[in-house]
Amino acid sequence: MIYTLCKNVIKSGNYEHQSMQNKLDVFLLGNRITSKQYTELCDLMKAQQATTEQTQSID
């Protein structure tokens, strides 16, 4: 459930990067998400951040 919620928030782009990273760290440490899910969510954030930076540089 936490994994799905985090994934939806990240896909929406409605988050602050460092805050979400901290939450993912806590969820991993608390065994609320697996290391595989953690890696996937971090990669998703990195990809979204790169896309946002590319869009901003074009404008």
N, C-alpha and C. Protein backbone atom coordinates (compact mmCIF):
# COMPACT_ATOMS: atom_id res chain seq x y z
N MET A 1 0.82 -1.19 0.00
CA MET A 1 0.00 0.00 0.00
C MET A 1 0.87 1.26 0.00
N ILE A 2 1.86 1.34 0.90
CA ILE A 2 2.74 2.52 0.95
C ILE A 2 3.47 2.69 -0.37
N TYR A 3 3.91 1.58 -0.93
CA TYR A 3 4.61 1.62 -2.22
C TYR A 3 3.73 2.26 -3.29
N THR A 4 2.50 1.82 -3.38
CA THR A 4 1.56 2.34 -4.38
C THR A 4 1.29 3.82 -4.15
N LEU A 5 1.11 4.22 -2.91
CA LEU A 5 0.86 5.63 -2.61
C LEU A 5 2.06 6.49 -3.00
N CYS A 6 3.24 6.03 -2.64
CA CYS A 6 4.45 6.78 -2.99
C CYS A 6 4.62 6.88 -4.50
N LYS A 7 4.38 5.79 -5.18
CA LYS A 7 4.51 5.78 -6.64
C LYS A 7 3.54 6.76 -7.28
N ASN A 8 2.31 6.82 -6.78
CA ASN A 8 1.32 7.75 -7.32
C ASN A 8 1.73 9.21 -7.07
N VAL A 9 2.25 9.49 -5.88
CA VAL A 9 2.69 10.85 -5.57
C VAL A 9 3.86 11.24 -6.46
N ILE A 10 4.80 10.35 -6.62
CA ILE A 10 5.97 10.65 -7.46
C ILE A 10 5.54 10.87 -8.91
N LYS A 11 4.67 10.02 -9.42
CA LYS A 11 4.19 10.19 -10.80
C LYS A 11 3.44 11.51 -10.99
N SER A 12 2.74 11.96 -9.94
CA SER A 12 1.99 13.21 -10.03
C SER A 12 2.92 14.43 -10.03
N GLY A 13 4.12 14.24 -9.49
CA GLY A 13 5.06 15.35 -9.41
C GLY A 13 4.78 16.30 -8.27
N ASN A 14 3.83 15.94 -7.41
CA ASN A 14 3.39 16.81 -6.32
C ASN A 14 4.15 16.47 -5.04
N TYR A 15 5.47 16.71 -5.04
CA TYR A 15 6.29 16.42 -3.88
C TYR A 15 7.57 17.24 -3.95
N GLU A 16 8.22 17.37 -2.82
CA GLU A 16 9.53 18.01 -2.75
C GLU A 16 10.54 16.87 -2.67
N HIS A 17 11.56 16.92 -3.52
CA HIS A 17 12.47 15.79 -3.70
C HIS A 17 13.09 15.29 -2.40
N GLN A 18 13.70 16.18 -1.64
CA GLN A 18 14.40 15.74 -0.43
C GLN A 18 13.43 15.18 0.61
N SER A 19 12.27 15.77 0.70
CA SER A 19 11.26 15.27 1.64
C SER A 19 10.81 13.86 1.28
N MET A 20 10.57 13.62 0.00
CA MET A 20 10.16 12.28 -0.44
C MET A 20 11.29 11.28 -0.25
N GLN A 21 12.51 11.71 -0.52
CA GLN A 21 13.66 10.83 -0.32
C GLN A 21 13.75 10.40 1.14
N ASN A 22 13.56 11.35 2.04
CA ASN A 22 13.58 11.04 3.47
C ASN A 22 12.49 10.05 3.85
N LYS A 23 11.31 10.23 3.29
CA LYS A 23 10.20 9.32 3.58
C LYS A 23 10.51 7.91 3.07
N LEU A 24 11.05 7.83 1.86
CA LEU A 24 11.40 6.52 1.32
C LEU A 24 12.45 5.83 2.19
N ASP A 25 13.41 6.61 2.68
CA ASP A 25 14.43 6.04 3.57
C ASP A 25 13.79 5.45 4.82
N VAL A 26 12.86 6.19 5.41
CA VAL A 26 12.18 5.72 6.62
C VAL A 26 11.33 4.49 6.32
N PHE A 27 10.63 4.50 5.20
CA PHE A 27 9.79 3.35 4.85
C PHE A 27 10.65 2.10 4.63
N LEU A 28 11.82 2.28 4.04
CA LEU A 28 12.73 1.15 3.85
C LEU A 28 13.23 0.63 5.19
N LEU A 29 13.67 1.53 6.03
CA LEU A 29 14.18 1.13 7.35
C LEU A 29 13.10 0.48 8.21
N GLY A 30 11.86 0.91 8.04
CA GLY A 30 10.75 0.35 8.80
C GLY A 30 10.13 -0.88 8.14
N ASN A 31 10.77 -1.38 7.08
CA ASN A 31 10.26 -2.55 6.35
C ASN A 31 8.85 -2.36 5.80
N ARG A 32 8.53 -1.12 5.47
CA ARG A 32 7.23 -0.84 4.85
C ARG A 32 7.29 -1.03 3.34
N ILE A 33 8.52 -0.91 2.78
CA ILE A 33 8.75 -1.20 1.38
C ILE A 33 10.01 -2.06 1.29
N THR A 34 10.12 -2.80 0.19
CA THR A 34 11.30 -3.65 -0.01
C THR A 34 12.43 -2.83 -0.63
N SER A 35 13.63 -3.37 -0.62
CA SER A 35 14.75 -2.67 -1.24
C SER A 35 14.54 -2.53 -2.74
N LYS A 36 13.90 -3.50 -3.35
CA LYS A 36 13.59 -3.42 -4.79
C LYS A 36 12.61 -2.26 -5.05
N GLN A 37 11.58 -2.14 -4.22
CA GLN A 37 10.62 -1.05 -4.37
C GLN A 37 11.29 0.30 -4.12
N TYR A 38 12.15 0.34 -3.12
CA TYR A 38 12.89 1.57 -2.80
C TYR A 38 13.70 2.02 -4.02
N THR A 39 14.44 1.10 -4.60
CA THR A 39 15.25 1.41 -5.77
C THR A 39 14.39 1.89 -6.93
N GLU A 40 13.27 1.22 -7.14
CA GLU A 40 12.37 1.61 -8.23
C GLU A 40 11.83 3.02 -8.01
N LEU A 41 11.42 3.33 -6.79
CA LEU A 41 10.87 4.66 -6.51
C LEU A 41 11.94 5.74 -6.61
N CYS A 42 13.14 5.45 -6.16
CA CYS A 42 14.25 6.41 -6.29
C CYS A 42 14.57 6.66 -7.76
N ASP A 43 14.60 5.61 -8.55
CA ASP A 43 14.85 5.74 -9.98
C ASP A 43 13.75 6.55 -10.66
N LEU A 44 12.52 6.33 -10.24
CA LEU A 44 11.39 7.07 -10.79
C LEU A 44 11.53 8.56 -10.47
N MET A 45 11.94 8.86 -9.25
CA MET A 45 12.15 10.27 -8.88
C MET A 45 13.27 10.89 -9.70
N LYS A 46 14.36 10.16 -9.88
CA LYS A 46 15.49 10.67 -10.67
C LYS A 46 15.06 10.94 -12.11
N ALA A 47 14.30 10.02 -12.68
CA ALA A 47 13.83 10.20 -14.06
C ALA A 47 12.91 11.40 -14.17
N GLN A 48 12.04 11.55 -13.19
CA GLN A 48 11.11 12.68 -13.22
C GLN A 48 11.86 13.99 -13.03
N GLN A 49 12.85 13.99 -12.16
CA GLN A 49 13.65 15.19 -11.94
C GLN A 49 14.41 15.57 -13.21
N ALA A 50 14.95 14.59 -13.90
CA ALA A 50 15.66 14.86 -15.15
C ALA A 50 14.72 15.43 -16.20
N THR A 51 13.52 14.89 -16.29
CA THR A 51 12.52 15.39 -17.24
C THR A 51 12.15 16.83 -16.91
N THR A 52 11.96 17.12 -15.63
CA THR A 52 11.61 18.47 -15.21
C THR A 52 12.73 19.44 -15.54
N GLU A 53 13.96 19.05 -15.30
CA GLU A 53 15.11 19.91 -15.61
C GLU A 53 15.22 20.17 -17.10
N GLN A 54 14.96 19.15 -17.92
CA GLN A 54 15.01 19.32 -19.37
C GLN A 54 13.92 20.29 -19.82
N THR A 55 12.74 20.16 -19.25
CA THR A 55 11.63 21.04 -19.61
C THR A 55 11.94 22.48 -19.23
N GLN A 56 12.53 22.66 -18.06
CA GLN A 56 12.87 24.01 -17.60
C GLN A 56 13.96 24.63 -18.45
N SER A 57 14.91 23.83 -18.92
CA SER A 57 15.99 24.38 -19.73
C SER A 57 15.51 24.77 -21.13
N ILE A 58 14.45 24.15 -21.59
CA ILE A 58 13.89 24.48 -22.90
C ILE A 58 13.15 25.81 -22.84
N ASP A 59 12.49 26.06 -21.71
CA ASP A 59 11.70 27.30 -21.58
C ASP A 59 12.53 28.51 -21.48
